[in-house]
Amino acid sequence: LEGAVPEEPRCTVERADASITYSLFLQRFAFSRPVILGGVTDNSVSAGRGRWDTAPGAPGAAAASRLPVLLDVPFQEYVEHLLKPQDPARLGSDTLYFFGDNNFTEWGPLFQHYVPPPFRIPGTSPAYSFGIAGSGSGVPFHWHGPGFSEVIFGRKRWFLYPPDKTPHFHPNETTLAWLQHTYPTLPPAQRPLECTLRPGEVLYFPDRWWHATLNLDTSVFISTFLG
């Protein structure tokens, strides 16, 4: 489902292809700055047709149809009836968005098919999180430990600030509202690192980096949190 959310043509996040070595990743990015990795996984819908399909009869559909969204809405009902473009007038707390602490047994058949990014941070272990959200939705600025985020379907725009640069935002303002109202007022020196991720691309963000996301289309994505 296409949304009316603009895509910024410029990308200020550094990119690396599948030729990057683990030692170079550790040296240049792991502890210092984000990077977009291309060609290091193969999880797109076209590459693994059916792996991420939650339609009736598809692999994973039986488990997915039982998974809750907001505690009491079955996942299948969310996909069929509640997965809609973001209303610009709604607050962040009113946004329906399936993403977060869903590393459950029910997702086992799906996560077994997922090919994770090949790199790890020493002393950490991965935890996966599956998400699906409508165009215009997203997560406002926040920070946590390091991790990867991969787009399986759709496009996702990212905004990032280093730990020592706290972005100006209201915690209950959607990313879409921030983009429309605050972003245009920022001088070039105060703008975040930003880029739009497409299927097959993986973003790595280091520890404590501020980041916000905006789904330009209905998007399916998986994050790998390194704790």
Protein backbone atom coordinates (compact mmCIF):
# COMPACT_ATOMS: atom_id res chain seq x y z
CA LEU A 1 0.00 0.00 0.00
CA GLU A 2 1.60 3.25 -1.15
CA GLY A 3 1.41 6.29 1.08
CA ALA A 4 1.70 9.99 0.33
CA VAL A 5 4.91 10.30 2.35
CA PRO A 6 7.81 11.94 0.52
CA GLU A 7 11.11 10.16 0.05
CA GLU A 8 14.19 12.27 0.59
CA PRO A 9 16.47 11.53 -2.41
CA ARG A 10 19.68 12.24 -0.51
CA CYS A 11 21.26 9.72 1.83
CA THR A 12 23.77 10.88 4.42
CA VAL A 13 24.37 7.48 6.01
CA GLU A 14 27.48 5.72 4.76
CA ARG A 15 26.95 2.54 2.73
CA ALA A 16 28.95 -0.66 2.46
CA ASP A 17 28.46 -3.73 0.29
CA ALA A 18 28.92 -7.42 0.94
CA SER A 19 32.68 -7.14 0.51
CA ILE A 20 33.06 -5.47 3.92
CA THR A 21 34.93 -7.66 6.38
CA TYR A 22 34.04 -8.20 10.02
CA SER A 23 37.25 -6.54 11.16
CA LEU A 24 36.50 -3.46 9.03
CA PHE A 25 32.94 -3.32 10.37
CA LEU A 26 34.28 -3.36 13.94
CA GLN A 27 36.93 -0.79 13.18
CA ARG A 28 34.83 1.75 11.25
CA PHE A 29 31.23 1.38 12.40
CA ALA A 30 30.47 -0.90 15.34
CA PHE A 31 31.22 1.64 18.07
CA SER A 32 31.17 4.93 16.19
CA ARG A 33 28.56 5.50 13.45
CA PRO A 34 25.71 3.88 11.52
CA VAL A 35 26.08 2.15 8.18
CA ILE A 36 23.76 0.69 5.57
CA LEU A 37 24.83 -2.79 4.49
CA GLY A 38 23.77 -4.02 1.07
CA GLY A 39 23.85 -7.60 -0.16
CA VAL A 40 24.72 -9.17 3.19
CA THR A 41 21.35 -10.96 3.60
CA ASP A 42 18.70 -12.42 1.32
CA ASN A 43 15.33 -12.04 3.02
CA SER A 44 13.23 -10.00 0.60
CA VAL A 45 9.76 -11.25 -0.28
CA SER A 46 10.83 -11.82 -3.88
CA ALA A 47 13.91 -13.78 -2.79
CA GLY A 48 12.09 -15.94 -0.24
CA ARG A 49 8.57 -16.05 -1.59
CA GLY A 50 6.16 -17.34 1.03
CA ARG A 51 8.52 -17.06 3.99
CA TRP A 52 6.90 -13.92 5.33
CA ASP A 53 3.40 -14.53 3.95
CA THR A 54 0.74 -14.50 6.68
CA ALA A 55 -2.22 -15.03 4.37
CA PRO A 56 -4.47 -18.03 5.22
CA GLY A 57 -2.74 -21.24 4.20
CA ALA A 58 0.69 -19.68 3.89
CA PRO A 59 3.71 -20.69 6.03
CA GLY A 60 3.41 -19.12 9.45
CA ALA A 61 -0.21 -18.08 8.97
CA ALA A 62 -1.63 -20.35 11.66
CA ALA A 63 0.75 -19.03 14.27
CA ALA A 64 0.52 -15.42 13.12
CA SER A 65 -3.27 -15.41 13.23
CA ARG A 66 -3.12 -16.06 16.98
CA LEU A 67 -0.53 -13.43 17.84
CA PRO A 68 -1.91 -10.40 19.71
CA VAL A 69 -1.54 -6.76 18.81
CA LEU A 70 -2.20 -4.35 21.68
CA LEU A 71 -2.84 -7.42 23.85
CA ASP A 72 -6.25 -8.44 22.50
CA VAL A 73 -6.33 -8.01 18.71
CA PRO A 74 -5.31 -11.06 16.66
CA PHE A 75 -2.48 -10.39 14.23
CA GLN A 76 -4.56 -11.45 11.23
CA GLU A 77 -7.30 -9.00 12.19
CA TYR A 78 -4.69 -6.27 12.50
CA VAL A 79 -3.36 -7.00 8.99
CA GLU A 80 -6.79 -7.27 7.39
CA HIS A 81 -8.67 -4.45 9.11
CA LEU A 82 -6.40 -2.14 11.12
CA LEU A 83 -3.26 -1.83 8.99
CA LYS A 84 -3.91 1.60 7.44
CA PRO A 85 -1.97 4.74 6.54
CA GLN A 86 -1.15 7.03 9.44
CA ASP A 87 -3.64 9.80 10.21
CA PRO A 88 -1.45 12.94 10.48
CA ALA A 89 -3.75 14.33 13.19
CA ARG A 90 -3.31 11.41 15.57
CA LEU A 91 -0.91 11.36 18.49
CA GLY A 92 1.94 8.90 18.67
CA SER A 93 0.17 7.05 21.49
CA ASP A 94 -2.83 6.47 19.20
CA THR A 95 -0.81 4.83 16.43
CA LEU A 96 -1.47 1.16 15.66
CA TYR A 97 1.92 -0.37 15.06
CA PHE A 98 2.93 -4.02 15.42
CA PHE A 99 6.54 -4.07 16.53
CA GLY A 100 8.54 -4.66 19.69
CA ASP A 101 8.84 -7.47 22.20
CA ASN A 102 7.57 -10.29 19.98
CA ASN A 103 10.43 -12.77 20.13
CA PHE A 104 7.86 -15.46 21.05
CA THR A 105 7.68 -19.18 20.41
CA GLU A 106 4.84 -18.58 17.94
CA TRP A 107 7.23 -16.71 15.64
CA GLY A 108 9.70 -19.60 15.57
CA PRO A 109 8.75 -20.85 12.07
CA LEU A 110 9.25 -17.36 10.63
CA PHE A 111 12.48 -16.53 12.43
CA GLN A 112 13.93 -19.89 11.39
CA HIS A 113 13.80 -18.64 7.79
CA TYR A 114 15.40 -15.30 8.59
CA VAL A 115 19.01 -14.87 7.48
CA PRO A 116 20.46 -12.40 10.03
CA PRO A 117 23.21 -9.87 9.36
CA PRO A 118 26.58 -11.61 9.56
CA PHE A 119 28.17 -9.30 12.14
CA ARG A 120 27.92 -9.18 15.93
CA ILE A 121 29.26 -6.92 18.64
CA PRO A 122 31.57 -8.82 21.02
CA GLY A 123 29.84 -9.70 24.27
CA THR A 124 26.29 -9.37 22.89
CA SER A 125 23.62 -11.83 21.78
CA PRO A 126 20.85 -11.19 19.23
CA ALA A 127 17.09 -10.91 19.82
CA TYR A 128 14.78 -10.61 16.82
CA SER A 129 11.71 -8.43 16.52
CA PHE A 130 9.22 -8.57 13.65
CA GLY A 131 7.20 -5.54 12.59
CA ILE A 132 4.53 -4.54 10.10
CA ALA A 133 3.06 -1.05 9.87
CA GLY A 134 1.09 1.26 7.60
CA SER A 135 2.47 4.10 5.52
CA GLY A 136 3.14 7.26 7.49
CA SER A 137 3.57 5.40 10.76
CA GLY A 138 6.84 5.20 12.63
CA VAL A 139 8.59 5.45 15.96
CA PRO A 140 9.57 8.87 17.40
CA PHE A 141 13.14 9.57 18.47
CA HIS A 142 14.52 7.23 21.10
CA TRP A 143 17.72 5.35 21.87
CA HIS A 144 18.82 1.97 23.21
CA GLY A 145 21.58 -0.55 22.61
CA PRO A 146 23.09 -1.35 19.21
CA GLY A 147 21.25 -3.28 16.53
CA PHE A 148 20.36 -3.95 12.93
CA SER A 149 17.12 -3.23 11.08
CA GLU A 150 16.24 -4.83 7.75
CA VAL A 151 13.37 -3.98 5.43
CA ILE A 152 11.67 -7.08 4.02
CA PHE A 153 8.95 -5.24 2.10
CA GLY A 154 8.23 -1.57 1.47
CA ARG A 155 10.42 1.43 2.29
CA LYS A 156 11.44 2.88 5.66
CA ARG A 157 13.00 6.29 6.17
CA TRP A 158 15.46 6.68 9.05
CA PHE A 159 16.66 9.74 10.98
CA LEU A 160 19.68 9.42 13.31
CA TYR A 161 21.62 11.61 15.75
CA PRO A 162 24.74 10.69 17.74
CA PRO A 163 24.42 10.27 21.52
CA ASP A 164 25.73 13.77 22.26
CA LYS A 165 23.15 15.48 19.99
CA THR A 166 19.66 15.25 21.49
CA PRO A 167 17.06 15.96 18.79
CA HIS A 168 14.30 18.49 19.33
CA PHE A 169 10.99 16.59 19.43
CA HIS A 170 7.90 16.00 21.54
CA PRO A 171 7.72 12.40 22.83
CA ASN A 172 4.07 12.02 21.83
CA GLU A 173 4.49 13.57 18.39
CA THR A 174 4.56 11.17 15.47
CA THR A 175 7.58 11.08 13.20
CA LEU A 176 5.32 12.21 10.35
CA ALA A 177 4.29 15.31 12.33
CA TRP A 178 7.95 15.98 13.24
CA LEU A 179 8.92 15.71 9.56
CA GLN A 180 6.19 18.13 8.53
CA HIS A 181 6.60 20.72 11.29
CA THR A 182 10.08 20.57 12.85
CA TYR A 183 12.34 19.15 10.15
CA PRO A 184 11.86 22.06 7.69
CA THR A 185 12.98 24.56 10.36
CA LEU A 186 16.29 22.82 11.07
CA PRO A 187 19.47 24.52 9.81
CA PRO A 188 21.63 22.17 7.73
CA ALA A 189 24.07 21.69 10.61
CA GLN A 190 21.26 20.49 12.89
CA ARG A 191 19.73 17.97 10.51
CA PRO A 192 20.07 14.27 11.29
CA LEU A 193 21.81 11.61 9.33
CA GLU A 194 19.08 10.14 7.18
CA CYS A 195 18.34 7.62 4.48
CA THR A 196 15.54 5.50 3.03
CA LEU A 197 15.93 1.73 3.35
CA ARG A 198 14.57 -0.62 0.70
CA PRO A 199 14.14 -4.41 0.72
CA GLY A 200 17.43 -6.21 1.14
CA GLU A 201 19.14 -3.30 2.88
CA VAL A 202 20.22 -3.49 6.51
CA LEU A 203 20.88 -0.49 8.73
CA TYR A 204 23.27 -0.84 11.65
CA PHE A 205 23.01 1.72 14.47
CA PRO A 206 25.54 1.87 17.34
CA ASP A 207 24.82 1.99 21.05
CA ARG A 208 22.80 4.99 22.31
CA TRP A 209 22.34 6.62 18.92
CA TRP A 210 19.06 8.54 18.70
CA HIS A 211 16.85 7.33 15.87
CA ALA A 212 13.35 7.77 14.51
CA THR A 213 11.64 5.89 11.70
CA LEU A 214 8.95 6.63 9.13
CA ASN A 215 7.36 3.94 6.94
CA LEU A 216 6.87 5.37 3.47
CA ASP A 217 4.72 2.40 2.41
CA THR A 218 3.10 -0.45 4.25
CA SER A 219 6.32 -2.04 5.48
CA VAL A 220 7.48 -5.37 6.82
CA PHE A 221 10.76 -5.35 8.73
CA ILE A 222 12.88 -7.27 11.22
CA SER A 223 15.22 -5.78 13.78
CA THR A 224 18.07 -7.58 15.48
CA PHE A 225 18.75 -6.08 18.91
CA LEU A 226 22.18 -6.78 20.34
CA GLY A 227 21.92 -7.03 24.12
